[in-house]
Amino acid sequence: MNEDTGRKGARRGSWKLALVVLFMFGFGFALVPLYGAICQLTGLNGKSAGLLAADGKQEQVDLSRTVKVQFATTVNGGRVWSFSADQPEIEVHPGQLYTVYFDAKNQQDQDVVGQAVPSVAPWSAAKHLHKTECFCFSQQPFKAGEAKHMPVRFTLDPELPADVDTVTLSYTFFDVTELAQQGVPKIKPLVSQQSISPNS
């Protein structure tokens, strides 16, 4: 009896574990369009990138203040991708426009489509980080073995709280090949972007 009960318990545990793994995979797969929809409604995490350029002028640069901006990268689901920032961090003056680059490579022998989902920490800094260009605004198609050198242009609002001296900008890359094949629309900025000459 004890042996049978143990086997049944083990089988139940295996089923529960499989369901948890399936749920986690499904949640990760659904995160990209869900995140895009939320950002379209709220303008969070740089999806309202055109706001920086909408009035045709830049913020006043605060040369008296320096903020460290760190860059973190992750690949979701253990896919065979390489993804990294050219530099782990830079120091910026609020109000000044900066350009940084990220490298991504599809190391698989088949074409894929990727989508980067950004996040900003601390939360209080999120609404003060404005992007005028970012690979995260749209799905990124990669041929088999293709590598891309992708820019992000951003500025920190001078209104950034005075107690924030470090901001972390993180990107998680998802394989959204199936979503792209199903015709899920690309995530677009809320306001059309206007060109700004980068300061760096």
C-alpha atoms as a PDB file:
ATOM      1  CA  MET A   1       0.000   0.000   0.000  1.00  0.00           C
ATOM      2  CA  ASN A   2       2.732   2.428   0.931  1.00  0.00           C
ATOM      3  CA  GLU A   3       4.575   1.774  -2.342  1.00  0.00           C
ATOM      4  CA  ASP A   4       1.386   2.314  -4.414  1.00  0.00           C
ATOM      5  CA  THR A   5       0.565   5.456  -2.470  1.00  0.00           C
ATOM      6  CA  GLY A   6       4.103   6.723  -3.045  1.00  0.00           C
ATOM      7  CA  ARG A   7       3.850   6.110  -6.797  1.00  0.00           C
ATOM      8  CA  LYS A   8       0.503   7.906  -7.000  1.00  0.00           C
ATOM      9  CA  GLY A   9       1.908  10.802  -5.022  1.00  0.00           C
ATOM     10  CA  ALA A  10       4.945  10.965  -7.299  1.00  0.00           C
ATOM     11  CA  ARG A  11       2.708  10.934 -10.386  1.00  0.00           C
ATOM     12  CA  ARG A  12       0.550  13.716  -8.958  1.00  0.00           C
ATOM     13  CA  GLY A  13       3.662  15.714  -8.155  1.00  0.00           C
ATOM     14  CA  SER A  14       4.984  15.219 -11.685  1.00  0.00           C
ATOM     15  CA  TRP A  15       1.688  16.401 -13.173  1.00  0.00           C
ATOM     16  CA  LYS A  16       1.653  19.460 -10.941  1.00  0.00           C
ATOM     17  CA  LEU A  17       5.222  20.286 -11.903  1.00  0.00           C
ATOM     18  CA  ALA A  18       4.417  19.874 -15.606  1.00  0.00           C
ATOM     19  CA  LEU A  19       1.404  22.191 -15.254  1.00  0.00           C
ATOM     20  CA  VAL A  20       3.506  24.822 -13.487  1.00  0.00           C
ATOM     21  CA  VAL A  21       6.163  24.661 -16.226  1.00  0.00           C
ATOM     22  CA  LEU A  22       3.467  24.883 -18.930  1.00  0.00           C
ATOM     23  CA  PHE A  23       1.865  27.865 -17.187  1.00  0.00           C
ATOM     24  CA  MET A  24       5.210  29.637 -16.858  1.00  0.00           C
ATOM     25  CA  PHE A  25       6.000  29.070 -20.545  1.00  0.00           C
ATOM     26  CA  GLY A  26       2.557  30.331 -21.565  1.00  0.00           C
ATOM     27  CA  PHE A  27       2.893  33.377 -19.345  1.00  0.00           C
ATOM     28  CA  GLY A  28       6.300  34.217 -20.797  1.00  0.00           C
ATOM     29  CA  PHE A  29       4.933  33.802 -24.331  1.00  0.00           C
ATOM     30  CA  ALA A  30       1.953  36.060 -23.581  1.00  0.00           C
ATOM     31  CA  LEU A  31       4.051  38.675 -21.793  1.00  0.00           C
ATOM     32  CA  VAL A  32       5.213  40.478 -24.936  1.00  0.00           C
ATOM     33  CA  PRO A  33       1.804  41.400 -26.445  1.00  0.00           C
ATOM     34  CA  LEU A  34       0.392  42.033 -22.964  1.00  0.00           C
ATOM     35  CA  TYR A  35       3.275  44.353 -22.123  1.00  0.00           C
ATOM     36  CA  GLY A  36       2.860  46.153 -25.434  1.00  0.00           C
ATOM     37  CA  ALA A  37      -0.841  46.711 -24.853  1.00  0.00           C
ATOM     38  CA  ILE A  38      -0.229  48.096 -21.354  1.00  0.00           C
ATOM     39  CA  CYS A  39       2.506  50.418 -22.599  1.00  0.00           C
ATOM     40  CA  GLN A  40       0.327  51.654 -25.454  1.00  0.00           C
ATOM     41  CA  LEU A  41      -2.303  52.636 -22.887  1.00  0.00           C
ATOM     42  CA  THR A  42      -0.026  54.081 -20.221  1.00  0.00           C
ATOM     43  CA  GLY A  43       3.048  55.286 -22.118  1.00  0.00           C
ATOM     44  CA  LEU A  44       5.359  53.473 -19.699  1.00  0.00           C
ATOM     45  CA  ASN A  45       8.966  52.415 -20.292  1.00  0.00           C
ATOM     46  CA  GLY A  46       9.734  54.511 -23.308  1.00  0.00           C
ATOM     47  CA  LYS A  47       6.790  53.541 -25.499  1.00  0.00           C
ATOM     48  CA  SER A  48       5.842  57.240 -25.533  1.00  0.00           C
ATOM     49  CA  ALA A  49       9.239  58.000 -27.021  1.00  0.00           C
ATOM     50  CA  GLY A  50       7.991  60.722 -29.322  1.00  0.00           C
ATOM     51  CA  LEU A  51       7.057  62.892 -26.348  1.00  0.00           C
ATOM     52  CA  LEU A  52      10.674  64.006 -26.088  1.00  0.00           C
ATOM     53  CA  ALA A  53      10.628  65.418 -29.616  1.00  0.00           C
ATOM     54  CA  ALA A  54       6.963  66.357 -29.920  1.00  0.00           C
ATOM     55  CA  ASP A  55       7.463  70.046 -29.145  1.00  0.00           C
ATOM     56  CA  GLY A  56      10.565  70.290 -31.341  1.00  0.00           C
ATOM     57  CA  LYS A  57      12.948  71.255 -28.533  1.00  0.00           C
ATOM     58  CA  GLN A  58      15.258  69.508 -26.099  1.00  0.00           C
ATOM     59  CA  GLU A  59      15.255  69.723 -22.343  1.00  0.00           C
ATOM     60  CA  GLN A  60      17.758  72.031 -20.686  1.00  0.00           C
ATOM     61  CA  VAL A  61      20.894  70.002 -19.912  1.00  0.00           C
ATOM     62  CA  ASP A  62      21.774  69.860 -16.213  1.00  0.00           C
ATOM     63  CA  LEU A  63      25.579  69.834 -16.287  1.00  0.00           C
ATOM     64  CA  SER A  64      25.747  70.111 -12.505  1.00  0.00           C
ATOM     65  CA  ARG A  65      24.328  66.608 -12.051  1.00  0.00           C
ATOM     66  CA  THR A  66      25.609  63.192 -13.122  1.00  0.00           C
ATOM     67  CA  VAL A  67      23.536  60.006 -13.069  1.00  0.00           C
ATOM     68  CA  LYS A  68      24.858  56.506 -13.676  1.00  0.00           C
ATOM     69  CA  VAL A  69      22.804  54.498 -16.203  1.00  0.00           C
ATOM     70  CA  GLN A  70      23.386  50.739 -16.139  1.00  0.00           C
ATOM     71  CA  PHE A  71      22.373  48.298 -18.894  1.00  0.00           C
ATOM     72  CA  ALA A  72      21.277  44.717 -18.256  1.00  0.00           C
ATOM     73  CA  THR A  73      20.296  42.070 -20.816  1.00  0.00           C
ATOM     74  CA  THR A  74      18.513  38.713 -20.565  1.00  0.00           C
ATOM     75  CA  VAL A  75      17.320  36.126 -23.072  1.00  0.00           C
ATOM     76  CA  ASN A  76      14.000  34.499 -22.182  1.00  0.00           C
ATOM     77  CA  GLY A  77      13.430  30.756 -22.391  1.00  0.00           C
ATOM     78  CA  GLY A  78      17.012  29.609 -22.858  1.00  0.00           C
ATOM     79  CA  ARG A  79      16.989  30.369 -26.601  1.00  0.00           C
ATOM     80  CA  VAL A  80      20.238  30.157 -28.539  1.00  0.00           C
ATOM     81  CA  TRP A  81      20.828  33.913 -28.750  1.00  0.00           C
ATOM     82  CA  SER A  82      23.640  36.177 -27.708  1.00  0.00           C
ATOM     83  CA  PHE A  83      22.492  39.552 -26.433  1.00  0.00           C
ATOM     84  CA  SER A  84      24.541  42.190 -24.649  1.00  0.00           C
ATOM     85  CA  ALA A  85      25.150  45.916 -24.288  1.00  0.00           C
ATOM     86  CA  ASP A  86      28.334  47.373 -25.769  1.00  0.00           C
ATOM     87  CA  GLN A  87      29.077  48.896 -22.384  1.00  0.00           C
ATOM     88  CA  PRO A  88      27.676  47.937 -18.970  1.00  0.00           C
ATOM     89  CA  GLU A  89      27.092  51.532 -17.837  1.00  0.00           C
ATOM     90  CA  ILE A  90      27.595  55.190 -18.685  1.00  0.00           C
ATOM     91  CA  GLU A  91      27.357  58.458 -16.780  1.00  0.00           C
ATOM     92  CA  VAL A  92      24.890  61.019 -18.124  1.00  0.00           C
ATOM     93  CA  HIS A  93      23.717  64.565 -17.528  1.00  0.00           C
ATOM     94  CA  PRO A  94      19.914  64.863 -17.276  1.00  0.00           C
ATOM     95  CA  GLY A  95      18.476  66.559 -20.347  1.00  0.00           C
ATOM     96  CA  GLN A  96      21.284  65.460 -22.668  1.00  0.00           C
ATOM     97  CA  LEU A  97      20.639  62.945 -25.471  1.00  0.00           C
ATOM     98  CA  TYR A  98      22.824  59.804 -25.489  1.00  0.00           C
ATOM     99  CA  THR A  99      23.224  56.899 -27.883  1.00  0.00           C
ATOM    100  CA  VAL A 100      24.212  53.414 -26.721  1.00  0.00           C
ATOM    101  CA  TYR A 101      24.366  50.163 -28.688  1.00  0.00           C
ATOM    102  CA  PHE A 102      23.270  46.600 -28.068  1.00  0.00           C
ATOM    103  CA  ASP A 103      24.419  43.488 -29.948  1.00  0.00           C
ATOM    104  CA  ALA A 104      22.163  40.533 -30.626  1.00  0.00           C
ATOM    105  CA  LYS A 105      22.868  37.404 -32.663  1.00  0.00           C
ATOM    106  CA  ASN A 106      20.609  34.558 -33.694  1.00  0.00           C
ATOM    107  CA  GLN A 107      22.833  31.513 -33.171  1.00  0.00           C
ATOM    108  CA  GLN A 108      20.231  29.119 -34.521  1.00  0.00           C
ATOM    109  CA  ASP A 109      20.199  27.618 -38.013  1.00  0.00           C
ATOM    110  CA  GLN A 110      16.734  29.010 -38.736  1.00  0.00           C
ATOM    111  CA  ASP A 111      15.145  32.444 -39.111  1.00  0.00           C
ATOM    112  CA  VAL A 112      13.555  33.893 -35.975  1.00  0.00           C
ATOM    113  CA  VAL A 113      11.815  37.066 -34.851  1.00  0.00           C
ATOM    114  CA  GLY A 114      12.758  38.656 -31.536  1.00  0.00           C
ATOM    115  CA  GLN A 115      11.109  41.263 -29.350  1.00  0.00           C
ATOM    116  CA  ALA A 116      12.860  43.070 -26.521  1.00  0.00           C
ATOM    117  CA  VAL A 117      10.837  44.036 -23.466  1.00  0.00           C
ATOM    118  CA  PRO A 118      12.358  46.884 -21.438  1.00  0.00           C
ATOM    119  CA  SER A 119      12.104  47.689 -17.762  1.00  0.00           C
ATOM    120  CA  VAL A 120      13.503  50.526 -15.672  1.00  0.00           C
ATOM    121  CA  ALA A 121      14.632  50.559 -12.051  1.00  0.00           C
ATOM    122  CA  PRO A 122      13.974  52.213  -9.738  1.00  0.00           C
ATOM    123  CA  TRP A 123      10.299  52.537 -10.576  1.00  0.00           C
ATOM    124  CA  SER A 124      10.349  56.263  -9.790  1.00  0.00           C
ATOM    125  CA  ALA A 125      12.795  56.781 -12.696  1.00  0.00           C
ATOM    126  CA  ALA A 126      10.689  55.023 -15.340  1.00  0.00           C
ATOM    127  CA  LYS A 127       8.623  58.034 -16.365  1.00  0.00           C
ATOM    128  CA  HIS A 128      11.755  60.201 -16.562  1.00  0.00           C
ATOM    129  CA  LEU A 129      13.569  58.013 -19.101  1.00  0.00           C
ATOM    130  CA  HIS A 130      12.610  59.063 -22.641  1.00  0.00           C
ATOM    131  CA  LYS A 131      13.704  57.174 -25.764  1.00  0.00           C
ATOM    132  CA  THR A 132      13.712  58.622 -29.261  1.00  0.00           C
ATOM    133  CA  GLU A 133      14.914  55.384 -30.859  1.00  0.00           C
ATOM    134  CA  CYS A 134      14.949  51.805 -29.595  1.00  0.00           C
ATOM    135  CA  PHE A 135      14.963  48.312 -31.064  1.00  0.00           C
ATOM    136  CA  CYS A 136      12.335  47.491 -28.427  1.00  0.00           C
ATOM    137  CA  PHE A 137       9.732  49.556 -30.324  1.00  0.00           C
ATOM    138  CA  SER A 138       9.204  46.769 -32.854  1.00  0.00           C
ATOM    139  CA  GLN A 139       9.747  43.091 -33.603  1.00  0.00           C
ATOM    140  CA  GLN A 140      13.237  42.314 -34.914  1.00  0.00           C
ATOM    141  CA  PRO A 141      13.566  39.653 -37.650  1.00  0.00           C
ATOM    142  CA  PHE A 142      16.846  37.710 -37.694  1.00  0.00           C
ATOM    143  CA  LYS A 143      18.059  35.427 -40.450  1.00  0.00           C
ATOM    144  CA  ALA A 144      19.801  32.216 -39.384  1.00  0.00           C
ATOM    145  CA  GLY A 145      23.121  33.247 -37.828  1.00  0.00           C
ATOM    146  CA  GLU A 146      22.443  36.973 -38.312  1.00  0.00           C
ATOM    147  CA  ALA A 147      23.865  39.554 -35.913  1.00  0.00           C
ATOM    148  CA  LYS A 148      22.598  43.100 -35.365  1.00  0.00           C
ATOM    149  CA  HIS A 149      24.172  46.200 -33.815  1.00  0.00           C
ATOM    150  CA  MET A 150      21.166  48.136 -32.499  1.00  0.00           C
ATOM    151  CA  PRO A 151      21.045  51.704 -31.142  1.00  0.00           C
ATOM    152  CA  VAL A 152      19.057  53.125 -28.242  1.00  0.00           C
ATOM    153  CA  ARG A 153      18.813  56.914 -28.027  1.00  0.00           C
ATOM    154  CA  PHE A 154      17.569  58.277 -24.745  1.00  0.00           C
ATOM    155  CA  THR A 155      17.621  61.136 -22.297  1.00  0.00           C
ATOM    156  CA  LEU A 156      16.855  61.423 -18.606  1.00  0.00           C
ATOM    157  CA  ASP A 157      14.381  64.128 -17.692  1.00  0.00           C
ATOM    158  CA  PRO A 158      15.902  66.843 -15.479  1.00  0.00           C
ATOM    159  CA  GLU A 159      12.838  66.279 -13.285  1.00  0.00           C
ATOM    160  CA  LEU A 160      14.326  62.918 -12.237  1.00  0.00           C
ATOM    161  CA  PRO A 161      14.074  62.778  -8.409  1.00  0.00           C
ATOM    162  CA  ALA A 162      17.176  64.189  -6.736  1.00  0.00           C
ATOM    163  CA  ASP A 163      17.729  61.040  -4.653  1.00  0.00           C
ATOM    164  CA  VAL A 164      18.105  58.852  -7.781  1.00  0.00           C
ATOM    165  CA  ASP A 165      21.767  58.619  -8.749  1.00  0.00           C
ATOM    166  CA  THR A 166      21.639  55.249 -10.556  1.00  0.00           C
ATOM    167  CA  VAL A 167      19.120  54.063 -13.160  1.00  0.00           C
ATOM    168  CA  THR A 168      19.093  50.520 -14.548  1.00  0.00           C
ATOM    169  CA  LEU A 169      17.679  49.938 -18.019  1.00  0.00           C
ATOM    170  CA  SER A 170      17.036  46.237 -18.600  1.00  0.00           C
ATOM    171  CA  TYR A 171      15.991  44.380 -21.743  1.00  0.00           C
ATOM    172  CA  THR A 172      14.673  40.835 -21.972  1.00  0.00           C
ATOM    173  CA  PHE A 173      14.703  39.317 -25.461  1.00  0.00           C
ATOM    174  CA  PHE A 174      11.819  36.987 -26.354  1.00  0.00           C
ATOM    175  CA  ASP A 175      11.436  34.688 -29.355  1.00  0.00           C
ATOM    176  CA  VAL A 176       8.152  35.887 -30.896  1.00  0.00           C
ATOM    177  CA  THR A 177       8.433  34.048 -34.215  1.00  0.00           C
ATOM    178  CA  GLU A 178       5.025  32.402 -33.808  1.00  0.00           C
ATOM    179  CA  LEU A 179       3.369  35.698 -32.865  1.00  0.00           C
ATOM    180  CA  ALA A 180       4.895  37.376 -35.924  1.00  0.00           C
ATOM    181  CA  GLN A 181       3.616  34.562 -38.153  1.00  0.00           C
ATOM    182  CA  GLN A 182       0.141  35.034 -36.682  1.00  0.00           C
ATOM    183  CA  GLY A 183       0.227  38.689 -37.683  1.00  0.00           C
ATOM    184  CA  VAL A 184       0.346  40.187 -34.182  1.00  0.00           C
ATOM    185  CA  PRO A 185       0.999  43.910 -34.821  1.00  0.00           C
ATOM    186  CA  LYS A 186       4.286  45.508 -33.909  1.00  0.00           C
ATOM    187  CA  ILE A 187       4.518  47.722 -30.844  1.00  0.00           C
ATOM    188  CA  LYS A 188       4.716  51.343 -32.014  1.00  0.00           C
ATOM    189  CA  PRO A 189       5.416  54.589 -30.155  1.00  0.00           C
ATOM    190  CA  LEU A 190       2.309  56.592 -29.247  1.00  0.00           C
ATOM    191  CA  VAL A 191       3.632  59.779 -30.868  1.00  0.00           C
ATOM    192  CA  SER A 192       5.391  59.960 -34.200  1.00  0.00           C
ATOM    193  CA  GLN A 193       9.113  60.538 -33.738  1.00  0.00           C
ATOM    194  CA  GLN A 194      10.898  63.614 -35.011  1.00  0.00           C
ATOM    195  CA  SER A 195      14.599  63.694 -35.657  1.00  0.00           C
ATOM    196  CA  ILE A 196      16.924  65.059 -32.982  1.00  0.00           C
ATOM    197  CA  SER A 197      20.642  65.433 -33.437  1.00  0.00           C
ATOM    198  CA  PRO A 198      22.323  63.231 -30.793  1.00  0.00           C
ATOM    199  CA  ASN A 199      24.646  64.948 -28.362  1.00  0.00           C
ATOM    200  CA  SER A 200      26.908  61.944 -28.044  1.00  0.00           C
END
